[in-house]
Protein backbone atom coordinates (compact mmCIF):
# COMPACT_ATOMS: atom_id res chain seq x y z
CA MET A 1 71.17 167.60 150.38
CA ASN A 2 68.31 166.19 148.37
CA SER A 3 65.13 164.75 149.76
CA ASP A 4 62.54 162.86 147.71
CA THR A 5 59.08 162.36 149.04
CA SER A 6 55.81 161.11 147.47
CA ARG A 7 54.83 164.88 147.01
CA GLY A 8 58.17 166.10 145.44
CA THR A 9 61.90 166.77 145.93
CA THR A 10 63.63 169.17 148.33
CA LYS A 11 67.05 170.31 147.47
CA VAL A 12 69.17 172.38 149.94
CA ASP A 13 72.42 173.92 148.61
CA ASP A 14 75.60 173.49 150.56
CA GLY A 15 75.73 177.49 150.90
CA VAL A 16 72.49 177.32 152.73
CA VAL A 17 74.03 175.02 155.31
CA GLU A 18 77.04 177.24 155.59
CA LYS A 19 74.89 180.27 156.31
CA ILE A 20 72.85 178.53 158.98
CA ALA A 21 75.96 177.37 160.63
CA GLY A 22 77.72 180.85 160.34
CA ILE A 23 74.69 182.54 161.96
CA ALA A 24 74.58 180.02 164.75
CA ALA A 25 78.34 180.40 165.28
CA ARG A 26 78.05 184.22 165.33
CA ASP A 27 75.43 184.23 167.94
CA VAL A 28 77.59 182.47 170.37
CA ARG A 29 78.88 184.80 173.21
CA GLY A 30 82.64 185.15 172.83
CA VAL A 31 82.84 184.91 169.11
CA HIS A 32 84.26 188.19 167.73
CA ASP A 33 84.39 187.26 163.98
CA LEU A 34 84.62 184.20 161.65
CA GLY A 35 87.26 183.51 159.13
CA GLY A 36 90.93 183.86 158.81
CA GLY A 37 92.73 187.15 157.93
CA ALA A 38 91.87 187.32 154.25
CA ALA A 39 88.39 186.29 154.64
CA ARG A 40 87.83 188.80 157.44
CA ALA A 41 89.33 191.53 155.11
CA ILE A 42 87.05 190.74 152.41
CA GLY A 43 84.15 190.57 154.90
CA ALA A 44 85.01 194.07 156.10
CA LEU A 45 84.60 195.29 152.48
CA ARG A 46 81.31 193.49 152.23
CA ASN A 47 79.98 195.02 155.38
CA ARG A 48 80.74 198.47 154.10
CA ILE A 49 78.24 197.88 151.24
CA ASN A 50 75.74 196.05 153.54
CA GLN A 51 76.42 192.61 152.06
CA THR A 52 77.54 190.42 155.01
CA ASP A 53 78.57 186.93 154.00
CA GLN A 54 77.04 184.81 156.73
CA GLY A 55 79.02 181.74 155.50
CA GLN A 56 82.31 183.40 155.92
CA GLY A 57 84.70 181.14 157.89
CA ILE A 58 82.54 178.15 157.40
CA SER A 59 83.20 175.07 155.25
CA VAL A 60 80.63 172.20 155.00
CA GLU A 61 80.64 168.66 153.59
CA VAL A 62 76.99 167.61 153.02
CA GLY A 63 75.81 164.18 152.19
CA GLU A 64 72.42 162.59 151.74
CA THR A 65 71.68 162.67 155.45
CA GLN A 66 74.58 163.96 157.24
CA ALA A 67 76.86 167.06 157.31
CA ALA A 68 80.34 167.97 158.73
CA VAL A 69 81.16 171.46 159.60
CA ASP A 70 84.58 173.29 159.77
CA ILE A 71 84.54 176.79 161.43
CA THR A 72 87.39 179.29 161.66
CA VAL A 73 86.87 181.69 164.68
CA VAL A 74 88.48 184.88 166.23
CA ALA A 75 87.63 184.79 169.79
CA GLU A 76 87.00 187.68 172.22
CA TYR A 77 89.48 187.98 175.05
CA PRO A 78 89.27 186.80 177.85
CA VAL A 79 86.83 183.94 176.87
CA ALA A 80 87.65 180.37 177.80
CA LEU A 81 88.66 178.89 174.41
CA HIS A 82 87.70 175.34 175.21
CA ARG A 83 84.16 176.46 176.49
CA LEU A 84 83.80 178.63 173.42
CA ALA A 85 84.57 175.74 171.05
CA ASP A 86 81.93 173.53 172.87
CA ASP A 87 79.25 176.32 172.83
CA ILE A 88 79.87 176.82 169.01
CA ARG A 89 79.41 173.05 168.45
CA SER A 90 76.29 172.84 170.44
CA ALA A 91 74.88 175.94 168.63
CA VAL A 92 75.69 174.76 165.06
CA ILE A 93 74.48 171.20 165.68
CA GLU A 94 71.23 172.39 167.02
CA SER A 95 70.67 174.87 164.04
CA VAL A 96 71.68 172.60 161.20
CA GLU A 97 69.77 169.56 162.64
CA SER A 98 66.57 171.53 163.36
CA LEU A 99 66.51 173.87 160.33
CA VAL A 100 67.94 171.47 157.62
CA GLY A 101 67.22 168.11 158.91
CA LEU A 102 70.67 166.77 158.52
CA GLN A 103 72.52 164.87 161.18
CA VAL A 104 75.70 166.62 162.05
CA THR A 105 78.58 164.12 162.46
CA GLU A 106 81.20 166.74 163.48
CA VAL A 107 81.87 170.37 163.99
CA ASN A 108 85.66 171.16 163.95
CA VAL A 109 86.48 174.71 165.40
CA GLU A 110 89.83 176.35 164.68
CA ILE A 111 90.53 179.36 166.74
CA THR A 112 93.00 181.49 164.76
CA ASP A 113 93.21 184.72 166.78
CA VAL A 114 91.97 186.46 169.93
CA PHE A 115 90.51 189.98 169.77
CA ILE A 116 91.76 192.28 172.39
CA PRO A 117 90.06 195.55 172.59
CA SER A 118 92.49 198.46 172.11
CA ASP A 119 93.17 200.87 175.05
CA ASP A 120 93.26 203.47 172.16
CA ALA A 121 89.39 203.13 171.67
CA ASP A 122 89.01 205.15 174.84
CA THR A 123 88.88 208.78 173.80
CA ASP A 124 88.44 210.20 177.21
CA ALA A 125 91.86 208.83 178.39
CA ALA A 126 94.41 211.44 179.20
CA PRO A 127 97.58 211.48 176.93
CA ARG A 128 100.53 209.72 178.34
CA VAL A 129 102.87 212.64 177.35
CA GLN A 130 102.49 216.29 176.62
């Protein structure tokens, strides 16, 4: 995005729009993670060294005044997936339009997995066999 005014030029890189969309999507209740399997694996390594990629799982196409966003999501079980997608769209549109000033023409949400908390995580559970 480039914006010319009588006082100067403003340039916002596509990566900034990706990060803003990623932060907005992560804040939606029911989103476990963003990105597909490979992106999440790389993201886990980045998290270990405290370098979270806020744009993980986000792809944007940015024009002069408009943007389109594609988001890959892992949902938490048992969230209603159609509501989750609608909530993600609303959050991303609001954030990008208010923070960047671009009109968001579409937000495509792809839900690639559902996170189900493991029963093994409960350390107080009695063993099944002895």
